[in-house]
Amino acid sequence: MKPISEVKNNGFELRMPSLIRFLTVCGVLAGVIFGSLYVLAEYFEPDTKEISKPVRNIKVR
């Protein structure tokens, strides 16, 4: 059995078109990025702390 890259059908190679391949790769990358952001948002909470900084040229009554 030949690899898919060598199989020919009436003189045309049966390959995945470059647009479909590009969209598939973009979709997989977007899924990985979305999944990693979801995991970071759900499982890692930032430490809450109070910050106070003086503001120049403002008078408090």
C-alpha atoms as a PDB file:
ATOM      1  CA  MET A   1       0.000   0.000   0.000  1.00  0.00           C
ATOM      2  CA  LYS A   2       1.398   3.385  -1.012  1.00  0.00           C
ATOM      3  CA  PRO A   3       1.467   6.451   1.227  1.00  0.00           C
ATOM      4  CA  ILE A   4      -1.276   8.991   0.529  1.00  0.00           C
ATOM      5  CA  SER A   5       1.255  11.417  -0.943  1.00  0.00           C
ATOM      6  CA  GLU A   6       2.047   8.886  -3.705  1.00  0.00           C
ATOM      7  CA  VAL A   7      -1.530   7.809  -4.537  1.00  0.00           C
ATOM      8  CA  LYS A   8      -2.750   9.348  -7.784  1.00  0.00           C
ATOM      9  CA  ASN A   9      -6.258   9.542  -9.186  1.00  0.00           C
ATOM     10  CA  ASN A  10      -6.383  10.243 -12.944  1.00  0.00           C
ATOM     11  CA  GLY A  11      -3.080  12.096 -12.822  1.00  0.00           C
ATOM     12  CA  PHE A  12      -3.976  14.252  -9.798  1.00  0.00           C
ATOM     13  CA  GLU A  13      -2.452  13.680  -6.401  1.00  0.00           C
ATOM     14  CA  LEU A  14      -4.878  13.171  -3.543  1.00  0.00           C
ATOM     15  CA  ARG A  15      -3.602  15.644  -0.961  1.00  0.00           C
ATOM     16  CA  MET A  16      -5.165  17.951   1.555  1.00  0.00           C
ATOM     17  CA  PRO A  17      -5.590  21.403  -0.041  1.00  0.00           C
ATOM     18  CA  SER A  18      -3.368  24.071   1.430  1.00  0.00           C
ATOM     19  CA  LEU A  19      -6.317  26.261   2.526  1.00  0.00           C
ATOM     20  CA  ILE A  20      -7.932  23.399   4.449  1.00  0.00           C
ATOM     21  CA  ARG A  21      -4.578  22.498   5.986  1.00  0.00           C
ATOM     22  CA  PHE A  22      -3.999  26.142   6.986  1.00  0.00           C
ATOM     23  CA  LEU A  23      -7.463  26.452   8.540  1.00  0.00           C
ATOM     24  CA  THR A  24      -6.989  23.166  10.393  1.00  0.00           C
ATOM     25  CA  VAL A  25      -3.652  24.272  11.835  1.00  0.00           C
ATOM     26  CA  CYS A  26      -5.119  27.664  12.831  1.00  0.00           C
ATOM     27  CA  GLY A  27      -8.085  25.954  14.480  1.00  0.00           C
ATOM     28  CA  VAL A  28      -5.883  23.573  16.450  1.00  0.00           C
ATOM     29  CA  LEU A  29      -3.626  26.419  17.597  1.00  0.00           C
ATOM     30  CA  ALA A  30      -6.631  28.533  18.605  1.00  0.00           C
ATOM     31  CA  GLY A  31      -8.041  25.585  20.558  1.00  0.00           C
ATOM     32  CA  VAL A  32      -4.770  25.047  22.407  1.00  0.00           C
ATOM     33  CA  ILE A  33      -4.496  28.750  23.254  1.00  0.00           C
ATOM     34  CA  PHE A  34      -8.145  28.968  24.348  1.00  0.00           C
ATOM     35  CA  GLY A  35      -7.801  25.826  26.453  1.00  0.00           C
ATOM     36  CA  SER A  36      -4.651  27.034  28.190  1.00  0.00           C
ATOM     37  CA  LEU A  37      -6.244  30.420  28.955  1.00  0.00           C
ATOM     38  CA  TYR A  38      -9.312  28.657  30.361  1.00  0.00           C
ATOM     39  CA  VAL A  39      -7.160  26.471  32.612  1.00  0.00           C
ATOM     40  CA  LEU A  40      -5.201  29.492  33.828  1.00  0.00           C
ATOM     41  CA  ALA A  41      -8.403  31.421  34.588  1.00  0.00           C
ATOM     42  CA  GLU A  42     -10.137  28.543  36.387  1.00  0.00           C
ATOM     43  CA  TYR A  43      -7.354  26.972  38.430  1.00  0.00           C
ATOM     44  CA  PHE A  44      -4.994  29.829  39.310  1.00  0.00           C
ATOM     45  CA  GLU A  45      -6.354  32.715  41.397  1.00  0.00           C
ATOM     46  CA  PRO A  46      -4.199  35.817  41.922  1.00  0.00           C
ATOM     47  CA  ASP A  47      -3.415  36.931  45.461  1.00  0.00           C
ATOM     48  CA  THR A  48      -5.528  39.924  46.446  1.00  0.00           C
ATOM     49  CA  LYS A  49      -3.764  42.776  48.205  1.00  0.00           C
ATOM     50  CA  GLU A  50      -4.508  46.397  48.869  1.00  0.00           C
ATOM     51  CA  ILE A  51      -2.375  49.023  47.170  1.00  0.00           C
ATOM     52  CA  SER A  52      -2.295  52.665  48.212  1.00  0.00           C
ATOM     53  CA  LYS A  53      -0.258  55.302  46.418  1.00  0.00           C
ATOM     54  CA  PRO A  54      -0.155  59.028  47.062  1.00  0.00           C
ATOM     55  CA  VAL A  55      -1.537  61.172  44.248  1.00  0.00           C
ATOM     56  CA  ARG A  56       0.228  64.464  43.573  1.00  0.00           C
ATOM     57  CA  ASN A  57      -1.590  67.804  43.493  1.00  0.00           C
ATOM     58  CA  ILE A  58      -4.786  66.395  45.018  1.00  0.00           C
ATOM     59  CA  LYS A  59      -6.058  67.690  48.351  1.00  0.00           C
ATOM     60  CA  VAL A  60      -8.248  65.433  50.458  1.00  0.00           C
ATOM     61  CA  ARG A  61     -10.934  67.299  52.408  1.00  0.00           C
END
